[in-house]
Structures are given as C-alpha cells and as structure tokens.
Amino acid sequence: MTVHPVEQSGPQAAMHGQTLLDRIFNWIPVLLLAYPMLISPFFLVSSGGEDTAANISASKSNALNQLFWICLFMVLLVSAGRRLLNAFTVLKSPLIWILMLYLLLAVTSVLWSHAPGIAFRRVVLQIIIVMSLVISVSFTDDARSLLSRLMLLMNTVVLMNAVAVVLLPPTPIGHAGIYTQKNNLGAVMALAMMFNIYGFLVSRGFLKRFGMLIISALAFGLLVLSQSKTSLGLAVLMPVIAYIAVGMAFLFRINAALLLIFGAVTGAVLLSFLSLLTRFGFSDLSLFLFNDETYTGRTFIWAFVVDVISRAPVLGQGYASFWATGSDSIAFREAPGFVILLIQAHNGYLDVMLELGIVGISLLFLVILTALFSAARVVSLDYRIAFLCCSLILFVTCHNMLESAWFRSFSLNWLIFLLAALLPHAVVRTWDNRSQN
C-alpha cells in the first residue's frame, strides 16, 4: 500500500510552530485567487473585465488594481522571510524557466509595441502576479493545508453566488451571480466543482463527504443556471479524463502526462476522420452547441484577428498592445462592427499569437506541456492532488479555446492554471523535506 506523506500533516500540524508572518505567507495564494472571485466583483473595477464600450479607452490604468497587487507583493516578500534564500530550488523547474522566457519576451516586445507605455505597465503587473504565485505556492508550508484553505474560499464563493442568484434577476442569457457576465459564474462554479471533488476524495467521515457533495451539487446547479455551456461541458468531461489518466498512471506506473498527450493526439485524429466521414464540420458543431454557426459571433472576431496576426506572425503586435489601447490602435481603427468593443479575441491561443507571434505561442505550448509533466510527477506521492492539478490544467487549456486567459492580467483561469502547475513543486518539496528528517 502506498503511503502518502502529504496526508500525514493536516491544518493543525501545519499551524504548529508558525509565526504570524508564516501564517500570513500561507494565506497569500488564497488572497491572490480571492481577488478575481470576490474582491474585484464587489469593490474594484477589473482591468481585465468584461467587453464593454468603456474598454475602448482602457489605456487608462486602474490604480486600485495596481495598488492591490503591489501591496500584496510587498507583504509577500516580507512574510516570505528566509524562504527567499532557497529561491534557487525553484529554478530547478523547467516550468519556471519557460515562464521567465515568456515574460522576458513580453518585456522586450515593448520595443515594437505601438503603445509602449501601456504595454510596460501591463507587463510589470503580470510579472508581479506570476512572481507572487510562484513564491507563495512553491514555498507554502504544506500543499494539502493550502488546498484546504482554497476549498474554504471556493465554498464561500459558491454560497455567496447562491444567495445572489436568489436575490438578483438573471441576465437575458443566464444568471451571473455576483459577476457581470454569466460566463464568469459558469467558470467559477466549474472550478469549485473540481476542488470539491478533490475534497470528497481526501475527506474522512460521512459528514465531511456529505458536505462536499452538497456544495458540489449547489455549484453544479449554479453552473446550469448560468447557461455557460462551455464551462458545463468541461466541468463534466475534464475531471473524468484526468481521473482515468491519473488512475491508469497510478496502477500501471506510467506517466500521466504522456497518457494525456497521447489521448489528445489520438482524439484529434479520430475527430478529424469522423468529421470527414460524416461531413459534420466546425460550423455544425457550433450549431449544435450554440444554436448558430459562428460560435456566438466568435468566427467574425477570429477572422479579423487572423488577418492582423498575418501582418506580424513571428513576434506579434507586442504584449497587451492590441486590445483596449486607445483610439490609435488597429483594433479601434479597423475592427468591424461589435469587434471594436471587445478586449479579447475569445480565444487565448489567438490572443497570444496576436501579441507575441509564433515565438510566444511556442513558449505557451511548452508551459502547458511542462505543467502536465509537473502534475504527473506527484501521482506516486499523492494521486488525488495529481488528479486535481490535471483536471484544472485540462479545464483551463480547453476553456481558452473560446475565452482568453493566458498571461492575461489577473484572469481567474490564468491564476488557477499557475496554481495547478506550481502546486506539484510544493508536494515534492514536502516529500523531500520529510525524507531528510
């Protein structure tokens, strides 16, 4: 029987011997994720918010957002203390090096950006956000205790949205909860479901597991009420795929990442073959899912974006230098119809190519692959954490086909992806530390 060292420490053990600064440090990841889920919807205007006409002139920076992240980063550095002396251990991860290369490319792209001032502010903010997650997650005292705190956050968000759905009328296209758009509610509830599935797997006792089931059912109900079909489908499918891959990897001692990659390639080939055989194409799938052939207008956006990408295919227009950069931007001058009002391409991969070209998208694919292999490393240490990380990585990777989140300010999906990619490092470090003791 495999022993899971991570299970040997719970929240009480993690709190033992902690100073006030240690406790603050361990809550930093929770605050990072709470910002887009709770703080921003209530108190701040999100700079990565919804597609509105006001965002045409979003070249004005949001001082409140910047103040929050700068202050939190300073608190993080102070509370990290001696942990920063071991920063070299984080650099052993290929994921960190690829993230650094992407951010270096983003900083360099300010040189060819048509809005260098805006691009520089946005890339500095992104560096702060990425560094905050890298430090706080990689050096957390206990990975499982961190997940307990994150589940508390997720369950609080579910309950608050349940109250909001009861008290507030729905939008014309679905309930939005405490958010301004139903897709936000859908994505948050999908993520909450995945965290609670993990919680169910690690919980002991009937009452705890029953509570997890109740919260999961409530999150699922809110997800249905949001009418966010993308999140609903992925919330059901991705955990199943992750569970099968991690289960097979655990039983047969094979790499879960290789299983997932092989499955993705095989699935893509089979779908292409079936599409040719049945003549059920891209537009037919859109008609089936969204009751129109344009993926709710996305094909018009993508056609415009692809045209712009062709003008600078290698290095792109510059990081965060296309959408919402003022009246001199290509988006403002050339975008057709409603596209002029948007702040994203509703496809994270196209947005990365738009900003940083082929070089940027290549680095992004490496980030995704290294994240999967990072999660696969901990299957033998704690298969349930590996399952959660794989579920979250798969969800965000697929969700970006219809929404943009990659390296995008404090987008929740981007923060969740970083958490899932970095958490295995904390699990391995915990294992190594206890093996030495």
Foldseek 3Di string as FASTA:
>chain_A
DFDFVLLVDALVNLPPPDDPLLVLLLCLLVVLLCCVLPVCLPPHPDLLAFQFQVLLQSLDDGVVLVVVLVVSLVSNVVSCPPVVVVVVVLVVAPLVVLVVVLLVLQLVLLVQAPQSVSSNVLSVLLVSSLVSLLSSQLPRSHLVNSLVSNLVSLLVSLVQQVVQPVVDDDDPQFRCRSHDALLVLLQSLLLNLLSLVLQLVSDDDDVSNVVSVVSNVSSLVRNVRSVNLLSNVLSVPLLVLLCVLLVCCLVVVDFSLVVVVVVVVVVVVVVVVVCVVVVCDQQNVCCVRPVGRCVVVLVLLVVVLVVLLVVPAAFANHRQRAFSNHCVHCLNVPRDDSSNSGRDSQAALSRQCNHGHPVRSVSVVVSLSSLSSLLRVCSSNPSSLSSSLSSLSVSLVSSNRRHHDDSRRSPSSNSSNSSSSSNSSNSVVSVVVVVVD
